[in-house]
């Protein structure tokens, strides 16, 4: 299977935009940790509440509020892959997500798909990214 020639390559040149300093990014991160720990998130799905409960979050099932301790967030960040291949329908449309790349999308997912049987536009039954077998997440 042939991959996109530029997938995963670091290309020189181009535009770089740095809106925040490293100190400002640290402040935003710390403020986010505080909101997740003290205010929490409304989670309307019972199955998701179970997942958060099993993952170390504090779950208020009556109000459906999940409060996430900072160590849980930091552990999740550390365990996330540094690079992820989003496989296109054909390898030429693959996209490698990593810290030094910028990508643009409309809502981050397919809003409508063409039904392969009827040819009509419709909403997809599931919204998710597929990773082709054999691709390594590092």
N, C-alpha and C. Protein backbone atom coordinates (compact mmCIF):
# COMPACT_ATOMS: atom_id res chain seq x y z
N UNK A 1 0.85 -1.17 0.00
CA UNK A 1 0.00 0.00 0.00
C UNK A 1 0.90 1.24 0.00
N UNK A 2 0.67 2.14 -0.91
CA UNK A 2 1.50 3.33 -1.04
C UNK A 2 0.88 4.49 -0.28
N UNK A 3 1.70 5.18 0.49
CA UNK A 3 1.22 6.32 1.27
C UNK A 3 1.45 7.62 0.53
N UNK A 4 0.74 8.63 0.96
CA UNK A 4 0.92 9.99 0.47
C UNK A 4 2.40 10.36 0.62
N UNK A 5 3.01 10.89 -0.43
CA UNK A 5 4.44 11.20 -0.40
C UNK A 5 4.84 12.13 0.73
N UNK A 6 3.95 13.02 1.13
CA UNK A 6 4.29 13.99 2.17
C UNK A 6 3.77 13.60 3.55
N UNK A 7 3.09 12.46 3.66
CA UNK A 7 2.55 12.05 4.95
C UNK A 7 3.69 11.79 5.92
N UNK A 8 3.69 12.49 7.03
CA UNK A 8 4.70 12.28 8.05
C UNK A 8 6.01 13.02 7.83
N UNK A 9 6.18 13.66 6.69
CA UNK A 9 7.41 14.39 6.41
C UNK A 9 7.37 15.76 7.07
N UNK A 10 8.51 16.20 7.49
CA UNK A 10 8.63 17.57 7.96
C UNK A 10 9.13 18.41 6.80
N UNK A 11 8.30 19.30 6.37
CA UNK A 11 8.66 20.15 5.24
C UNK A 11 9.18 21.48 5.76
N UNK A 12 10.22 22.00 5.12
CA UNK A 12 10.76 23.29 5.56
C UNK A 12 9.95 24.42 4.94
N UNK A 13 10.07 25.58 5.53
CA UNK A 13 9.38 26.74 5.00
C UNK A 13 7.93 26.77 5.43
N UNK A 14 7.18 27.63 4.81
CA UNK A 14 5.77 27.74 5.13
C UNK A 14 5.52 28.77 6.21
N UNK A 15 4.29 28.89 6.57
CA UNK A 15 3.84 29.88 7.53
C UNK A 15 3.81 29.29 8.93
N UNK A 16 4.28 30.04 9.89
CA UNK A 16 4.19 29.62 11.28
C UNK A 16 3.48 30.73 12.04
N UNK A 17 2.49 30.34 12.78
CA UNK A 17 1.73 31.30 13.56
C UNK A 17 1.79 30.88 15.02
N UNK A 18 2.34 31.73 15.86
CA UNK A 18 2.40 31.45 17.29
C UNK A 18 1.63 32.55 18.00
N UNK A 19 0.39 32.22 18.37
CA UNK A 19 -0.50 33.21 18.97
C UNK A 19 -0.16 33.44 20.44
N UNK A 20 0.22 32.38 21.14
CA UNK A 20 0.49 32.46 22.58
C UNK A 20 1.95 32.13 22.87
N UNK A 21 2.49 32.76 23.93
CA UNK A 21 3.81 32.40 24.40
C UNK A 21 3.69 31.08 25.17
N UNK A 22 4.83 30.45 25.45
CA UNK A 22 4.81 29.21 26.23
C UNK A 22 4.22 29.45 27.62
N UNK A 23 4.54 30.59 28.23
CA UNK A 23 3.99 30.92 29.55
C UNK A 23 2.47 31.06 29.49
N UNK A 24 1.97 31.71 28.43
CA UNK A 24 0.52 31.85 28.29
C UNK A 24 -0.16 30.50 28.09
N UNK A 25 0.48 29.62 27.33
CA UNK A 25 -0.08 28.28 27.13
C UNK A 25 -0.12 27.50 28.46
N UNK A 26 0.91 27.66 29.27
CA UNK A 26 0.92 27.02 30.59
C UNK A 26 -0.21 27.55 31.46
N UNK A 27 -0.45 28.86 31.42
CA UNK A 27 -1.55 29.45 32.20
C UNK A 27 -2.90 28.91 31.74
N UNK A 28 -3.09 28.80 30.43
CA UNK A 28 -4.34 28.25 29.89
C UNK A 28 -4.52 26.80 30.34
N UNK A 29 -3.44 26.03 30.29
CA UNK A 29 -3.50 24.62 30.71
C UNK A 29 -3.88 24.51 32.18
N UNK A 30 -3.25 25.30 33.03
CA UNK A 30 -3.55 25.26 34.47
C UNK A 30 -4.99 25.70 34.74
N UNK A 31 -5.47 26.71 34.03
CA UNK A 31 -6.85 27.15 34.20
C UNK A 31 -7.82 26.06 33.74
N UNK A 32 -7.49 25.36 32.68
CA UNK A 32 -8.33 24.26 32.19
C UNK A 32 -8.39 23.14 33.23
N UNK A 33 -7.24 22.81 33.81
CA UNK A 33 -7.22 21.78 34.86
C UNK A 33 -8.11 22.18 36.03
N UNK A 34 -8.08 23.46 36.38
CA UNK A 34 -8.90 23.94 37.50
C UNK A 34 -10.39 23.83 37.18
N UNK A 35 -10.78 24.20 35.97
CA UNK A 35 -12.19 24.10 35.59
C UNK A 35 -12.65 22.64 35.59
N UNK A 36 -11.83 21.76 35.03
CA UNK A 36 -12.21 20.33 34.99
C UNK A 36 -12.33 19.74 36.40
N UNK A 37 -11.48 20.20 37.32
CA UNK A 37 -11.50 19.66 38.69
C UNK A 37 -12.61 20.28 39.55
N UNK A 38 -12.81 21.58 39.46
CA UNK A 38 -13.72 22.24 40.38
C UNK A 38 -15.13 22.43 39.82
N UNK A 39 -15.26 22.76 38.54
CA UNK A 39 -16.58 22.96 37.93
C UNK A 39 -17.08 21.67 37.30
N UNK A 40 -16.23 21.02 36.54
CA UNK A 40 -16.58 19.76 35.90
C UNK A 40 -17.30 19.94 34.58
N UNK A 41 -17.76 18.82 34.06
CA UNK A 41 -18.44 18.77 32.77
C UNK A 41 -19.80 18.11 32.93
N UNK A 42 -20.79 18.56 32.17
CA UNK A 42 -22.07 17.87 32.12
C UNK A 42 -21.93 16.75 31.10
N UNK A 43 -22.23 15.53 31.53
CA UNK A 43 -22.17 14.35 30.65
C UNK A 43 -23.53 13.69 30.69
N UNK A 44 -24.26 13.74 29.60
CA UNK A 44 -25.63 13.24 29.57
C UNK A 44 -25.78 11.76 29.35
N UNK A 45 -24.73 11.06 28.99
CA UNK A 45 -24.82 9.64 28.65
C UNK A 45 -24.37 8.77 29.83
N UNK A 46 -25.22 7.82 30.23
CA UNK A 46 -24.90 6.97 31.39
C UNK A 46 -23.68 6.10 31.14
N UNK A 47 -23.52 5.60 29.93
CA UNK A 47 -22.35 4.77 29.62
C UNK A 47 -21.06 5.58 29.75
N UNK A 48 -21.10 6.82 29.30
CA UNK A 48 -19.93 7.70 29.42
C UNK A 48 -19.64 7.99 30.89
N UNK A 49 -20.69 8.16 31.70
CA UNK A 49 -20.49 8.37 33.14
C UNK A 49 -19.77 7.18 33.76
N UNK A 50 -20.14 5.96 33.32
CA UNK A 50 -19.48 4.74 33.81
C UNK A 50 -17.99 4.75 33.46
N UNK A 51 -17.68 5.17 32.24
CA UNK A 51 -16.29 5.21 31.79
C UNK A 51 -15.49 6.21 32.63
N UNK A 52 -16.05 7.39 32.84
CA UNK A 52 -15.37 8.39 33.66
C UNK A 52 -15.20 7.88 35.09
N UNK A 53 -16.23 7.23 35.62
CA UNK A 53 -16.16 6.70 36.98
C UNK A 53 -15.05 5.67 37.11
N UNK A 54 -14.91 4.81 36.11
CA UNK A 54 -13.86 3.79 36.12
C UNK A 54 -12.48 4.36 35.86
N UNK A 55 -12.42 5.58 35.34
CA UNK A 55 -11.14 6.18 34.99
C UNK A 55 -10.58 7.12 36.03
N UNK A 56 -11.24 7.22 37.18
CA UNK A 56 -10.71 8.05 38.26
C UNK A 56 -11.38 9.39 38.43
N UNK A 57 -12.40 9.68 37.65
CA UNK A 57 -13.11 10.95 37.80
C UNK A 57 -14.13 10.85 38.92
N UNK A 58 -14.56 11.99 39.43
CA UNK A 58 -15.59 12.05 40.46
C UNK A 58 -16.91 12.30 39.74
N UNK A 59 -17.84 11.35 39.86
CA UNK A 59 -19.07 11.40 39.08
C UNK A 59 -20.26 11.66 40.00
N UNK A 60 -21.01 12.71 39.68
CA UNK A 60 -22.27 13.01 40.36
C UNK A 60 -23.37 12.56 39.40
N UNK A 61 -23.88 11.35 39.63
CA UNK A 61 -24.85 10.76 38.70
C UNK A 61 -26.19 11.50 38.71
N UNK A 62 -26.56 12.05 39.85
CA UNK A 62 -27.85 12.75 39.94
C UNK A 62 -27.87 13.97 39.00
N UNK A 63 -26.79 14.77 39.05
CA UNK A 63 -26.71 15.98 38.23
C UNK A 63 -25.96 15.75 36.92
N UNK A 64 -25.40 14.53 36.77
CA UNK A 64 -24.64 14.15 35.57
C UNK A 64 -23.44 15.08 35.34
N UNK A 65 -22.75 15.36 36.45
CA UNK A 65 -21.55 16.21 36.40
C UNK A 65 -20.33 15.33 36.69
N UNK A 66 -19.30 15.48 35.88
CA UNK A 66 -18.05 14.74 36.06
C UNK A 66 -16.95 15.75 36.37
N UNK A 67 -16.26 15.52 37.48
CA UNK A 67 -15.11 16.36 37.85
C UNK A 67 -13.86 15.49 37.70
N UNK A 68 -12.91 16.02 36.95
CA UNK A 68 -11.72 15.24 36.60
C UNK A 68 -10.50 15.81 37.33
N UNK A 69 -9.90 15.02 38.22
CA UNK A 69 -8.69 15.48 38.92
C UNK A 69 -7.54 15.74 37.94
N UNK A 70 -6.68 16.70 38.26
CA UNK A 70 -5.57 17.03 37.36
C UNK A 70 -4.68 15.84 37.01
N UNK A 71 -4.43 14.92 37.95
CA UNK A 71 -3.54 13.80 37.65
C UNK A 71 -4.14 12.89 36.56
N UNK A 72 -5.47 12.79 36.51
CA UNK A 72 -6.12 11.97 35.47
C UNK A 72 -5.91 12.62 34.10
N UNK A 73 -6.06 13.94 34.04
CA UNK A 73 -5.86 14.66 32.78
C UNK A 73 -4.40 14.53 32.34
N UNK A 74 -3.47 14.73 33.26
CA UNK A 74 -2.04 14.65 32.93
C UNK A 74 -1.66 13.24 32.48
N UNK A 75 -2.20 12.22 33.13
CA UNK A 75 -1.93 10.84 32.70
C UNK A 75 -2.46 10.59 31.30
N UNK A 76 -3.64 11.12 30.99
CA UNK A 76 -4.22 10.96 29.65
C UNK A 76 -3.35 11.66 28.61
N UNK A 77 -2.85 12.83 28.93
CA UNK A 77 -1.99 13.56 27.99
C UNK A 77 -0.71 12.78 27.74
N UNK A 78 -0.10 12.26 28.81
CA UNK A 78 1.14 11.49 28.66
C UNK A 78 0.93 10.21 27.85
N UNK A 79 -0.25 9.61 27.96
CA UNK A 79 -0.48 8.33 27.27
C UNK A 79 -0.96 8.52 25.82
N UNK A 80 -1.28 9.75 25.42
CA UNK A 80 -1.75 10.00 24.05
C UNK A 80 -0.59 9.85 23.07
N UNK A 81 -0.86 9.30 21.88
CA UNK A 81 0.22 9.16 20.90
C UNK A 81 0.69 10.53 20.41
N UNK A 82 1.98 10.62 20.09
CA UNK A 82 2.52 11.88 19.58
C UNK A 82 2.20 12.08 18.11
N UNK A 83 1.80 11.00 17.44
CA UNK A 83 1.50 11.06 16.02
C UNK A 83 0.35 10.10 15.74
N UNK A 84 -0.56 10.52 14.85
CA UNK A 84 -1.72 9.71 14.52
C UNK A 84 -1.99 9.82 13.03
N UNK A 85 -2.18 8.69 12.37
CA UNK A 85 -2.49 8.69 10.94
C UNK A 85 -4.00 8.59 10.76
N UNK A 86 -4.59 9.59 10.15
CA UNK A 86 -6.01 9.54 9.77
C UNK A 86 -6.03 9.06 8.33
N UNK A 87 -6.51 7.86 8.14
CA UNK A 87 -6.47 7.24 6.82
C UNK A 87 -7.57 7.79 5.93
N UNK A 88 -7.19 8.20 4.74
CA UNK A 88 -8.16 8.65 3.76
C UNK A 88 -8.75 7.44 3.04
N UNK A 89 -9.74 7.69 2.22
CA UNK A 89 -10.31 6.60 1.44
C UNK A 89 -9.25 5.95 0.58
N UNK A 90 -8.31 6.76 0.09
CA UNK A 90 -7.14 6.23 -0.62
C UNK A 90 -5.91 6.80 0.09
N UNK A 91 -4.79 6.10 0.03
CA UNK A 91 -3.60 6.55 0.76
C UNK A 91 -3.14 7.96 0.41
N UNK A 92 -3.43 8.44 -0.80
CA UNK A 92 -3.00 9.81 -1.15
C UNK A 92 -3.73 10.85 -0.30
N UNK A 93 -4.84 10.47 0.34
CA UNK A 93 -5.58 11.40 1.18
C UNK A 93 -5.33 11.20 2.67
N UNK A 94 -4.32 10.41 3.01
CA UNK A 94 -3.96 10.23 4.42
C UNK A 94 -3.54 11.56 5.01
N UNK A 95 -3.76 11.70 6.31
CA UNK A 95 -3.31 12.90 7.01
C UNK A 95 -2.64 12.48 8.30
N UNK A 96 -1.43 12.92 8.53
CA UNK A 96 -0.70 12.63 9.76
C UNK A 96 -0.90 13.79 10.71
N UNK A 97 -1.50 13.50 11.87
CA UNK A 97 -1.65 14.53 12.90
C UNK A 97 -0.45 14.47 13.83
N UNK A 98 0.22 15.59 13.98
CA UNK A 98 1.35 15.69 14.91
C UNK A 98 1.54 17.15 15.27
N UNK A 99 2.43 17.40 16.22
CA UNK A 99 2.53 18.73 16.80
C UNK A 99 2.98 19.81 15.82
N UNK A 100 3.71 19.45 14.78
CA UNK A 100 4.24 20.48 13.88
C UNK A 100 3.43 20.63 12.60
N UNK A 101 2.20 20.11 12.57
CA UNK A 101 1.38 20.20 11.36
C UNK A 101 0.06 20.91 11.68
N UNK A 102 -0.43 21.64 10.70
CA UNK A 102 -1.71 22.32 10.84
C UNK A 102 -2.65 21.73 9.81
N UNK A 103 -3.87 21.42 10.21
CA UNK A 103 -4.85 20.91 9.28
C UNK A 103 -6.14 21.68 9.40
N UNK A 104 -6.89 21.72 8.35
CA UNK A 104 -8.17 22.42 8.35
C UNK A 104 -9.26 21.43 7.94
N UNK A 105 -10.41 21.57 8.55
CA UNK A 105 -11.50 20.66 8.25
C UNK A 105 -12.83 21.38 8.45
N UNK A 106 -13.88 20.82 7.90
CA UNK A 106 -15.21 21.35 8.15
C UNK A 106 -15.84 20.51 9.25
N UNK A 107 -15.81 20.98 10.45
CA UNK A 107 -16.41 20.34 11.62
C UNK A 107 -15.67 19.09 12.09
N UNK A 108 -14.58 18.70 11.48
CA UNK A 108 -13.81 17.56 11.95
C UNK A 108 -14.39 16.20 11.59
N UNK A 109 -15.42 16.16 10.82
CA UNK A 109 -16.01 14.88 10.44
C UNK A 109 -16.88 15.09 9.21
N UNK A 110 -17.26 13.97 8.59
CA UNK A 110 -18.15 14.08 7.44
C UNK A 110 -19.54 14.48 7.90
N UNK A 111 -20.04 15.59 7.41
CA UNK A 111 -21.36 16.05 7.80
C UNK A 111 -22.42 15.22 7.09
N UNK A 112 -22.19 14.95 5.82
CA UNK A 112 -23.08 14.08 5.04
C UNK A 112 -22.23 13.13 4.22
N UNK A 113 -22.80 11.99 3.89
CA UNK A 113 -22.12 11.05 3.01
C UNK A 113 -23.03 10.72 1.85
N UNK A 114 -22.43 10.21 0.79
CA UNK A 114 -23.22 9.73 -0.34
C UNK A 114 -23.49 8.25 -0.09
N UNK A 115 -24.75 7.88 0.01
CA UNK A 115 -25.12 6.48 0.24
C UNK A 115 -24.67 5.66 -0.96
N UNK A 116 -23.85 4.62 -0.73
CA UNK A 116 -23.32 3.86 -1.86
C UNK A 116 -24.39 3.06 -2.62
N UNK A 117 -25.54 2.83 -2.01
CA UNK A 117 -26.58 2.03 -2.65
C UNK A 117 -27.61 2.89 -3.38
N UNK A 118 -27.97 4.03 -2.79
CA UNK A 118 -29.02 4.87 -3.39
C UNK A 118 -28.46 6.09 -4.10
N UNK A 119 -27.20 6.48 -3.77
CA UNK A 119 -26.62 7.67 -4.36
C UNK A 119 -27.10 8.96 -3.70
N UNK A 120 -27.93 8.85 -2.66
CA UNK A 120 -28.47 10.03 -1.99
C UNK A 120 -27.54 10.52 -0.89
N UNK A 121 -27.59 11.83 -0.63
CA UNK A 121 -26.87 12.40 0.50
C UNK A 121 -27.64 12.09 1.78
N UNK A 122 -26.92 11.65 2.81
CA UNK A 122 -27.56 11.37 4.09
C UNK A 122 -26.54 11.54 5.21
N UNK A 123 -27.06 11.62 6.45
CA UNK A 123 -26.17 11.69 7.60
C UNK A 123 -25.54 10.32 7.83
N UNK A 124 -24.27 10.28 8.23
CA UNK A 124 -23.64 8.99 8.49
C UNK A 124 -24.21 8.36 9.76
N UNK A 125 -24.32 7.02 9.80
CA UNK A 125 -24.85 6.37 11.00
C UNK A 125 -23.89 6.44 12.18
N UNK A 126 -22.59 6.51 11.90
CA UNK A 126 -21.58 6.63 12.95
C UNK A 126 -20.60 7.70 12.53
N UNK A 127 -20.14 8.47 13.49
CA UNK A 127 -19.17 9.51 13.20
C UNK A 127 -17.88 9.15 13.92
N UNK A 128 -16.88 8.74 13.14
CA UNK A 128 -15.61 8.36 13.74
C UNK A 128 -14.52 8.33 12.67
N UNK A 129 -13.27 8.38 13.13
CA UNK A 129 -12.14 8.27 12.22
C UNK A 129 -11.76 6.80 12.15
N UNK A 130 -11.39 6.33 10.99
CA UNK A 130 -10.93 4.96 10.83
C UNK A 130 -9.43 4.97 10.58
N UNK A 131 -8.74 4.05 11.21
CA UNK A 131 -7.31 3.92 11.00
C UNK A 131 -7.10 2.58 10.30
N UNK A 132 -6.45 2.61 9.12
CA UNK A 132 -6.24 1.39 8.36
C UNK A 132 -5.31 0.46 9.11
N UNK A 133 -5.56 -0.86 9.02
CA UNK A 133 -4.65 -1.83 9.65
C UNK A 133 -3.24 -1.67 9.12
N UNK A 134 -2.26 -1.88 9.97
CA UNK A 134 -0.88 -1.78 9.58
C UNK A 134 -0.26 -0.41 9.84
N UNK A 135 -1.07 0.57 10.19
CA UNK A 135 -0.54 1.89 10.50
C UNK A 135 -0.18 1.93 11.97
N UNK A 136 0.97 2.46 12.25
CA UNK A 136 1.47 2.50 13.62
C UNK A 136 1.17 3.85 14.23
N UNK A 137 0.62 3.82 15.42
CA UNK A 137 0.40 5.05 16.19
C UNK A 137 1.56 5.15 17.17
N UNK A 138 2.34 6.24 17.07
CA UNK A 138 3.50 6.37 17.95
C UNK A 138 3.30 7.46 18.96
